[in-house]
């Protein structure tokens, strides 16, 4: 199909707007999304600009933008509104509608930013900068509060005051690591959880770890992990994280058992379990009709077969969305094996609801705070450019260990 024919097909698919594409490529996913949005005037899609945006953005950012503008367009069609260019009233009403369905202020801010971004990419006036949109969003924040729901932290010894001297209790990484089995799934999970805690990596960063990124450290039993790119480092300046001897040993056990020598470190492990089969005695050959066709040297009996387990190791990295479920599975198995004795089934159900791939990052953040590390050290370790998030994650600990907490602990 020629470019002109493809453009005409795209134009006819959009009503009432006329959309002009300089070129049509199947790879321009965002451009295709824009072409099908409900428009109210002639919109020229600068595909080169959109392609440049996609090249400069992470896959996660592109997926989020597409998802947000598709949701906005669906709402506009349902309510007979125009999505491109949108008016300030349309955006304000959309945010109110999403707030009415339970969206939190942080999510509304993202939707607002996505609408602004698509207008910017199309060289259209940004409707989100209007006072009406800002005031309506401020009203939602005032009503619902701007605090974000945090993932539940996974701390190394659990909720302890002294991370060095106190005994591990409750939900703690030490017990989870010790409870991981020594089969391939268990070895993978131990290495994954230990590395996640040591480095504080986000899910997308964790699955991007490759064997080649691990380097020697001054301590011969430790290693350094080169982080090529992260959420706060889209330009790929890189960073370095510390891998403890505990994590190094876990990684070595996993890679040796899985025979991984290069490429993605954390991969899928598919398990196939076969039941045992008892021996079956053969029937006499005379009891079978048509026996003249049988080779009398063959037996009709079936030997016993032992139960066995087979593993299939993937060749590519885990999906970022699998990290949270893996963490929850590790916790559930540890509880089932009695490794978390001071938790009840009700406690476990409540705790599991808050566990996500971010739990190890928050847990390390809180352990650093509890150990007396200053804010600059915590920000450097976890590669934060702003103090807002580390302070938010440590809010509860700060209340316990702040001036009032210390005083009341002394006076009872």
Protein backbone atom coordinates (compact mmCIF):
# COMPACT_ATOMS: atom_id res chain seq x y z
CA UNK A 1 0.00 0.00 0.00
CA UNK A 2 1.36 3.42 -0.93
CA UNK A 3 1.82 6.16 1.64
CA UNK A 4 -0.92 8.23 -0.01
CA UNK A 5 -3.40 5.34 0.17
CA UNK A 6 -2.54 4.67 3.78
CA UNK A 7 -3.04 8.33 4.64
CA UNK A 8 -6.45 8.40 2.95
CA UNK A 9 -7.46 5.31 4.92
CA UNK A 10 -6.41 6.95 8.13
CA UNK A 11 -8.27 10.15 7.28
CA UNK A 12 -11.51 8.28 6.65
CA UNK A 13 -11.20 6.54 10.00
CA UNK A 14 -11.29 9.85 11.88
CA UNK A 15 -14.45 11.91 12.04
CA UNK A 16 -15.06 14.75 11.86
CA UNK A 17 -11.40 15.79 11.78
CA UNK A 18 -9.03 15.55 8.85
CA UNK A 19 -5.67 14.16 9.88
CA UNK A 20 -2.58 14.51 7.74
CA UNK A 21 0.38 12.18 8.23
CA UNK A 22 3.67 13.04 6.50
CA UNK A 23 4.49 9.32 6.51
CA UNK A 24 2.93 6.16 7.85
CA UNK A 25 4.98 3.49 9.63
CA UNK A 26 3.59 0.54 11.54
CA UNK A 27 6.22 1.14 14.21
CA UNK A 28 4.86 4.60 15.06
CA UNK A 29 2.51 3.28 17.72
CA UNK A 30 1.89 6.63 19.37
CA UNK A 31 1.18 8.28 16.01
CA UNK A 32 -1.42 5.62 15.22
CA UNK A 33 -3.08 6.24 18.58
CA UNK A 34 -3.22 9.99 17.91
CA UNK A 35 -4.65 9.48 14.43
CA UNK A 36 -7.67 7.67 15.84
CA UNK A 37 -8.45 10.16 18.60
CA UNK A 38 -11.61 12.25 18.39
CA UNK A 39 -10.57 15.58 16.88
CA UNK A 40 -12.51 18.76 16.15
CA UNK A 41 -10.31 20.46 13.59
CA UNK A 42 -7.59 19.79 11.06
CA UNK A 43 -4.72 18.21 13.00
CA UNK A 44 -1.30 17.75 11.44
CA UNK A 45 0.62 14.92 13.06
CA UNK A 46 4.35 15.58 12.96
CA UNK A 47 5.41 11.95 12.90
CA UNK A 48 9.10 12.89 13.06
CA UNK A 49 8.50 14.74 16.33
CA UNK A 50 6.54 11.83 17.80
CA UNK A 51 9.22 9.38 16.67
CA UNK A 52 11.84 11.58 18.33
CA UNK A 53 9.80 11.61 21.54
CA UNK A 54 9.54 7.83 21.50
CA UNK A 55 13.28 7.47 20.93
CA UNK A 56 14.01 9.83 23.83
CA UNK A 57 11.54 8.19 26.25
CA UNK A 58 11.52 4.90 28.12
CA UNK A 59 9.11 2.16 26.96
CA UNK A 60 7.27 2.56 30.27
CA UNK A 61 6.73 6.29 29.68
CA UNK A 62 5.43 5.66 26.17
CA UNK A 63 3.03 2.95 27.37
CA UNK A 64 1.78 5.23 30.14
CA UNK A 65 1.18 8.12 27.72
CA UNK A 66 -0.67 5.91 25.25
CA UNK A 67 -2.81 4.40 27.99
CA UNK A 68 -3.68 7.80 29.43
CA UNK A 69 -4.64 9.46 26.16
CA UNK A 70 -6.63 6.41 25.01
CA UNK A 71 -8.60 6.53 28.26
CA UNK A 72 -9.17 10.27 27.79
CA UNK A 73 -10.32 9.76 24.20
CA UNK A 74 -12.72 6.97 25.24
CA UNK A 75 -14.30 9.26 27.84
CA UNK A 76 -14.57 12.09 25.30
CA UNK A 77 -16.36 9.83 22.83
CA UNK A 78 -18.74 8.56 25.50
CA UNK A 79 -19.59 12.09 26.65
CA UNK A 80 -19.60 13.59 23.12
CA UNK A 81 -16.55 15.79 23.76
CA UNK A 82 -13.59 16.64 21.56
CA UNK A 83 -10.24 15.24 22.65
CA UNK A 84 -8.00 17.16 20.24
CA UNK A 85 -7.70 19.98 20.90
CA UNK A 86 -9.36 19.69 24.29
CA UNK A 87 -10.83 22.64 26.14
CA UNK A 88 -10.00 23.44 29.75
CA UNK A 89 -13.58 22.57 30.72
CA UNK A 90 -13.30 19.14 29.07
CA UNK A 91 -10.06 18.36 30.90
CA UNK A 92 -11.44 19.59 34.22
CA UNK A 93 -14.61 17.50 33.81
CA UNK A 94 -12.54 14.45 32.88
CA UNK A 95 -10.37 14.76 35.98
CA UNK A 96 -13.48 15.17 38.12
CA UNK A 97 -14.97 12.05 36.55
CA UNK A 98 -11.82 10.04 37.25
CA UNK A 99 -11.73 11.36 40.82
CA UNK A 100 -15.32 10.27 41.24
CA UNK A 101 -14.30 6.72 40.30
CA UNK A 102 -11.57 6.61 42.93
CA UNK A 103 -8.47 7.98 41.19
CA UNK A 104 -6.07 9.59 43.65
CA UNK A 105 -4.57 13.08 43.16
CA UNK A 106 -1.22 11.60 42.09
CA UNK A 107 -2.94 9.64 39.29
CA UNK A 108 -4.96 12.70 38.26
CA UNK A 109 -1.74 14.70 37.99
CA UNK A 110 -0.35 12.04 35.66
CA UNK A 111 -3.49 12.12 33.47
CA UNK A 112 -3.21 15.91 33.32
CA UNK A 113 0.46 15.69 32.33
CA UNK A 114 -0.30 13.16 29.58
CA UNK A 115 -3.00 15.38 28.08
CA UNK A 116 -0.58 18.30 28.18
CA UNK A 117 2.15 16.22 26.53
CA UNK A 118 0.04 15.09 23.58
CA UNK A 119 -1.06 18.67 22.94
CA UNK A 120 2.57 19.76 23.05
CA UNK A 121 3.60 17.05 20.57
CA UNK A 122 0.84 18.18 18.20
CA UNK A 123 1.73 21.87 18.60
CA UNK A 124 -1.68 22.58 20.11
CA UNK A 125 -2.52 24.97 22.93
CA UNK A 126 -2.18 23.23 26.28
CA UNK A 127 -5.60 23.23 27.98
CA UNK A 128 -4.23 21.93 31.29
CA UNK A 129 -2.49 25.21 32.13
CA UNK A 130 -5.82 27.01 32.45
CA UNK A 131 -6.81 28.20 35.96
CA UNK A 132 -10.01 26.12 35.78
CA UNK A 133 -8.06 22.85 35.53
CA UNK A 134 -5.62 23.82 38.30
CA UNK A 135 -8.39 24.90 40.68
CA UNK A 136 -10.53 21.80 40.08
CA UNK A 137 -7.49 19.59 40.71
CA UNK A 138 -6.66 21.56 43.84
CA UNK A 139 -10.22 20.98 45.05
CA UNK A 140 -9.77 17.22 44.65
CA UNK A 141 -6.50 17.35 46.60
CA UNK A 142 -8.20 19.31 49.36
CA UNK A 143 -11.04 16.79 49.55
CA UNK A 144 -9.04 13.55 49.28
CA UNK A 145 -5.60 14.59 50.45
CA UNK A 146 -2.47 14.32 48.35
CA UNK A 147 -0.77 11.51 50.27
CA UNK A 148 0.07 8.47 48.15
CA UNK A 149 -0.49 4.93 49.33
CA UNK A 150 2.92 3.35 49.89
CA UNK A 151 3.97 -0.22 49.34
CA UNK A 152 4.65 -2.14 52.54
CA UNK A 153 8.38 -2.19 53.30
CA UNK A 154 10.40 -5.39 53.35
CA UNK A 155 13.10 -4.72 55.93
CA UNK A 156 15.99 -7.08 56.56
CA UNK A 157 15.05 -7.84 60.19
CA UNK A 158 11.50 -6.61 60.04
CA UNK A 159 10.14 -3.75 62.13
CA UNK A 160 13.00 -3.35 64.58
CA UNK A 161 14.43 -0.25 66.23
CA UNK A 162 18.10 -1.32 66.27
CA UNK A 163 18.95 -2.92 62.92
CA UNK A 164 22.26 -4.22 64.25
CA UNK A 165 21.36 -5.71 67.65
CA UNK A 166 17.65 -6.52 67.58
CA UNK A 167 16.46 -10.01 66.68
CA UNK A 168 14.55 -10.39 63.41
CA UNK A 169 10.80 -10.48 63.86
CA UNK A 170 7.58 -10.35 61.88
CA UNK A 171 7.92 -10.16 58.13
CA UNK A 172 11.65 -9.98 57.48
CA UNK A 173 13.97 -10.63 54.56
CA UNK A 174 16.38 -12.76 56.60
CA UNK A 175 13.68 -15.38 57.22
CA UNK A 176 12.51 -15.21 53.60
CA UNK A 177 16.01 -15.86 52.27
CA UNK A 178 16.58 -18.77 54.64
CA UNK A 179 13.26 -20.35 53.67
CA UNK A 180 13.94 -20.38 49.92
CA UNK A 181 14.37 -23.94 48.67
CA UNK A 182 17.56 -25.20 47.05
CA UNK A 183 15.84 -26.14 43.80
CA UNK A 184 16.09 -23.90 40.73
CA UNK A 185 13.04 -21.71 41.53
CA UNK A 186 14.25 -21.30 45.12
CA UNK A 187 17.80 -20.43 44.06
CA UNK A 188 16.47 -17.85 41.59
CA UNK A 189 14.14 -16.32 44.20
CA UNK A 190 16.89 -16.12 46.84
CA UNK A 191 19.25 -14.35 44.44
CA UNK A 192 16.47 -12.04 43.22
CA UNK A 193 15.28 -11.01 46.69
CA UNK A 194 18.79 -10.55 48.09
CA UNK A 195 19.87 -8.44 45.12
CA UNK A 196 16.69 -6.37 45.24
CA UNK A 197 17.30 -5.51 48.90
CA UNK A 198 21.03 -4.78 48.54
CA UNK A 199 20.59 -2.44 45.59
CA UNK A 200 17.13 -0.96 46.11
CA UNK A 201 16.49 -1.37 42.39
CA UNK A 202 13.04 -0.76 40.93
CA UNK A 203 11.39 -3.65 39.07
CA UNK A 204 12.38 -2.42 35.59
CA UNK A 205 15.96 -1.90 36.75
CA UNK A 206 16.13 -5.26 38.50
CA UNK A 207 15.10 -7.30 35.47
CA UNK A 208 17.63 -5.37 33.35
CA UNK A 209 20.56 -6.73 35.38
CA UNK A 210 22.91 -8.86 33.28
CA UNK A 211 25.89 -11.01 34.20
CA UNK A 212 28.13 -8.54 32.41
CA UNK A 213 27.06 -5.74 34.77
CA UNK A 214 28.65 -7.40 37.83
CA UNK A 215 32.21 -6.35 38.61
CA UNK A 216 34.81 -7.10 41.26
CA UNK A 217 34.98 -5.01 44.43
CA UNK A 218 37.75 -4.29 46.94
CA UNK A 219 36.20 -6.93 49.20
CA UNK A 220 36.92 -10.20 47.34
CA UNK A 221 33.61 -11.68 48.55
CA UNK A 222 31.50 -8.68 47.49
CA UNK A 223 30.75 -7.29 44.04
CA UNK A 224 29.71 -4.04 42.40
CA UNK A 225 26.69 -3.80 40.12
CA UNK A 226 26.79 -1.34 37.26
CA UNK A 227 23.34 0.19 36.73
CA UNK A 228 23.29 1.36 33.13
CA UNK A 229 20.00 3.22 33.28
CA UNK A 230 17.34 3.99 35.87
CA UNK A 231 14.11 5.95 36.28
CA UNK A 232 16.04 9.00 37.43
CA UNK A 233 18.76 8.54 34.81
CA UNK A 234 17.09 8.45 31.41
CA UNK A 235 20.27 9.74 29.74
CA UNK A 236 22.20 6.66 30.84
CA UNK A 237 24.91 8.34 32.89
CA UNK A 238 25.02 5.15 34.97
CA UNK A 239 25.42 4.38 38.67
CA UNK A 240 26.97 1.71 40.88
CA UNK A 241 25.35 -0.38 43.62
CA UNK A 242 26.88 -2.67 46.22
CA UNK A 243 26.27 -6.42 46.25
CA UNK A 244 26.92 -8.05 49.62
CA UNK A 245 28.73 -11.39 50.00
CA UNK A 246 25.28 -12.82 50.81
CA UNK A 247 23.93 -11.74 47.42
CA UNK A 248 27.10 -12.75 45.60
CA UNK A 249 26.83 -16.29 46.99
CA UNK A 250 23.14 -16.47 46.09
CA UNK A 251 23.81 -15.25 42.54
CA UNK A 252 26.66 -17.75 42.11
CA UNK A 253 24.48 -20.64 43.27
CA UNK A 254 21.67 -19.62 40.91
CA UNK A 255 23.80 -19.04 37.82
CA UNK A 256 25.76 -22.26 38.31
CA UNK A 257 22.62 -24.37 38.74
CA UNK A 258 20.85 -22.65 35.82
CA UNK A 259 24.01 -22.71 33.67
CA UNK A 260 23.75 -18.97 32.99
CA UNK A 261 27.06 -17.51 31.84
CA UNK A 262 25.95 -14.36 30.04
CA UNK A 263 22.94 -12.15 29.47
CA UNK A 264 19.93 -11.57 31.69
CA UNK A 265 20.50 -12.66 35.28
CA UNK A 266 16.92 -13.18 36.43
CA UNK A 267 14.86 -15.41 34.16
CA UNK A 268 11.68 -17.46 34.12
CA UNK A 269 11.79 -20.94 35.61
CA UNK A 270 9.07 -23.24 34.32
CA UNK A 271 8.48 -26.33 36.46
CA UNK A 272 7.11 -29.62 35.11
CA UNK A 273 6.19 -32.25 37.68
CA UNK A 274 5.57 -35.88 36.74
CA UNK A 275 3.85 -38.30 39.10
CA UNK A 276 5.24 -41.72 39.92
CA UNK A 277 3.74 -44.68 38.07
CA UNK A 278 3.58 -48.17 39.49
CA UNK A 279 4.59 -51.20 37.47
CA UNK A 280 1.79 -52.89 35.49
CA UNK A 281 1.92 -56.65 34.96
CA UNK A 282 1.49 -57.81 31.37
CA UNK A 283 -1.46 -59.85 30.18
CA UNK A 284 -0.88 -63.35 28.79
CA UNK A 285 -0.42 -63.18 25.06
CA UNK A 286 -3.06 -65.90 24.57
CA UNK A 287 -5.73 -63.64 26.05
CA UNK A 288 -5.36 -61.07 23.28
CA UNK A 289 -7.26 -61.47 20.05
CA UNK A 290 -5.25 -61.24 16.88
CA UNK A 291 -2.20 -62.61 18.71
CA UNK A 292 -0.68 -63.78 15.47
CA UNK A 293 0.20 -60.17 14.74
CA UNK A 294 2.19 -59.80 17.99
CA UNK A 295 5.90 -60.22 18.35
CA UNK A 296 6.19 -62.79 21.15
CA UNK A 297 9.53 -61.38 22.16
CA UNK A 298 7.81 -58.18 23.35
CA UNK A 299 6.26 -57.84 26.79
CA UNK A 300 2.95 -56.21 27.53
CA UNK A 301 3.96 -55.12 31.04
CA UNK A 302 4.88 -51.50 31.96
CA UNK A 303 7.82 -50.85 34.31
CA UNK A 304 7.56 -48.55 37.30
CA UNK A 305 8.40 -44.87 36.72
CA UNK A 306 9.73 -42.66 39.50
CA UNK A 307 8.33 -39.20 40.16
CA UNK A 308 10.47 -36.49 38.66
CA UNK A 309 10.67 -32.73 38.21
CA UNK A 310 11.96 -30.97 35.11
CA UNK A 311 12.90 -27.31 34.82
CA UNK A 312 12.90 -25.05 31.79
CA UNK A 313 15.04 -21.90 32.16
CA UNK A 314 14.02 -18.95 30.00
CA UNK A 315 16.45 -17.17 27.72
CA UNK A 316 15.24 -13.62 28.36
CA UNK A 317 14.76 -11.49 31.46
CA UNK A 318 11.70 -11.63 33.69
CA UNK A 319 8.95 -9.11 33.01
CA UNK A 320 8.94 -6.20 35.51
CA UNK A 321 5.33 -7.02 36.37
CA UNK A 322 6.37 -10.45 37.68
CA UNK A 323 8.58 -9.15 40.51
CA UNK A 324 5.76 -8.25 42.91
CA UNK A 325 4.00 -11.63 42.50
CA UNK A 326 7.34 -13.44 43.01
CA UNK A 327 7.91 -11.55 46.27
CA UNK A 328 4.42 -12.44 47.47
CA UNK A 329 4.97 -16.10 46.55
CA UNK A 330 8.24 -16.14 48.52
CA UNK A 331 6.42 -14.75 51.56
CA UNK A 332 3.55 -17.22 51.28
CA UNK A 333 5.90 -20.21 51.00
CA UNK A 334 7.96 -18.97 53.96
CA UNK A 335 4.80 -18.74 56.05
CA UNK A 336 3.65 -22.21 54.96
CA UNK A 337 7.04 -23.62 56.03
CA UNK A 338 6.81 -22.02 59.46
CA UNK A 339 9.60 -19.49 58.82
CA UNK A 340 7.46 -16.57 60.05
CA UNK A 341 6.26 -17.95 63.40
CA UNK A 342 5.05 -14.68 64.91
CA UNK A 343 2.59 -14.01 62.07
CA UNK A 344 -0.97 -15.30 61.95
CA UNK A 345 -2.86 -16.13 58.78
CA UNK A 346 -4.76 -12.86 59.21
CA UNK A 347 -1.50 -10.95 59.58
CA UNK A 348 -0.16 -12.57 56.43
CA UNK A 349 -3.24 -11.72 54.35
CA UNK A 350 -3.06 -8.09 55.48
CA UNK A 351 0.67 -7.81 54.81
CA UNK A 352 0.54 -9.45 51.39
CA UNK A 353 -1.94 -6.83 50.15
CA UNK A 354 0.73 -4.16 50.54
CA UNK A 355 3.70 -6.03 49.07
CA UNK A 356 4.94 -4.91 45.67
CA UNK A 357 8.18 -4.83 43.70
CA UNK A 358 8.91 -1.52 45.46
CA UNK A 359 8.84 -3.10 48.94
CA UNK A 360 12.56 -3.94 49.02
CA UNK A 361 13.47 -0.39 47.97
CA UNK A 362 11.37 1.09 50.75
CA UNK A 363 12.71 -1.49 53.22
CA UNK A 364 16.33 -0.61 52.45
CA UNK A 365 15.46 3.07 52.69
CA UNK A 366 14.00 2.57 56.17
CA UNK A 367 16.86 0.36 57.37
CA UNK A 368 19.36 3.00 56.28
CA UNK A 369 17.39 5.61 58.18
CA UNK A 370 17.10 3.42 61.28
CA UNK A 371 20.85 2.73 61.21
CA UNK A 372 21.59 6.45 61.47
CA UNK A 373 22.49 7.25 57.87
CA UNK A 374 21.90 10.88 56.92
CA UNK A 375 19.62 11.98 54.11
CA UNK A 376 22.50 12.63 51.69
CA UNK A 377 23.80 9.08 52.14
CA UNK A 378 20.36 7.57 51.64
CA UNK A 379 19.74 9.62 48.50
CA UNK A 380 23.13 8.60 47.09
CA UNK A 381 22.61 4.89 47.85
CA UNK A 382 19.15 4.78 46.32
CA UNK A 383 19.97 7.20 43.50
CA UNK A 384 17.34 9.81 44.41
CA UNK A 385 17.76 13.34 43.09
CA UNK A 386 15.13 14.82 45.39
CA UNK A 387 14.68 14.31 49.15
CA UNK A 388 10.88 14.16 48.83
CA UNK A 389 10.48 10.39 48.44
CA UNK A 390 13.07 9.19 51.00
CA UNK A 391 11.55 11.56 53.54
CA UNK A 392 8.05 10.32 52.73
CA UNK A 393 9.09 6.67 53.09
CA UNK A 394 10.70 7.41 56.44
CA UNK A 395 7.84 9.46 57.85
CA UNK A 396 6.62 6.78 60.26
CA UNK A 397 10.12 5.91 61.46
CA UNK A 398 10.88 9.58 61.93
CA UNK A 399 7.85 9.92 64.19
CA UNK A 400 8.98 6.98 66.34
CA UNK A 401 12.61 8.04 66.54
CA UNK A 402 12.08 11.80 66.62
CA UNK A 403 12.31 14.06 69.65
CA UNK A 404 8.83 13.23 70.98
CA UNK A 405 9.30 9.51 70.42
CA UNK A 406 12.61 9.47 72.29
CA UNK A 407 11.23 11.48 75.20
CA UNK A 408 8.07 9.40 75.66
CA UNK A 409 10.10 6.17 75.48
CA UNK A 410 12.16 7.43 78.43
CA UNK A 411 9.35 8.70 80.64
CA UNK A 412 6.83 5.99 79.81
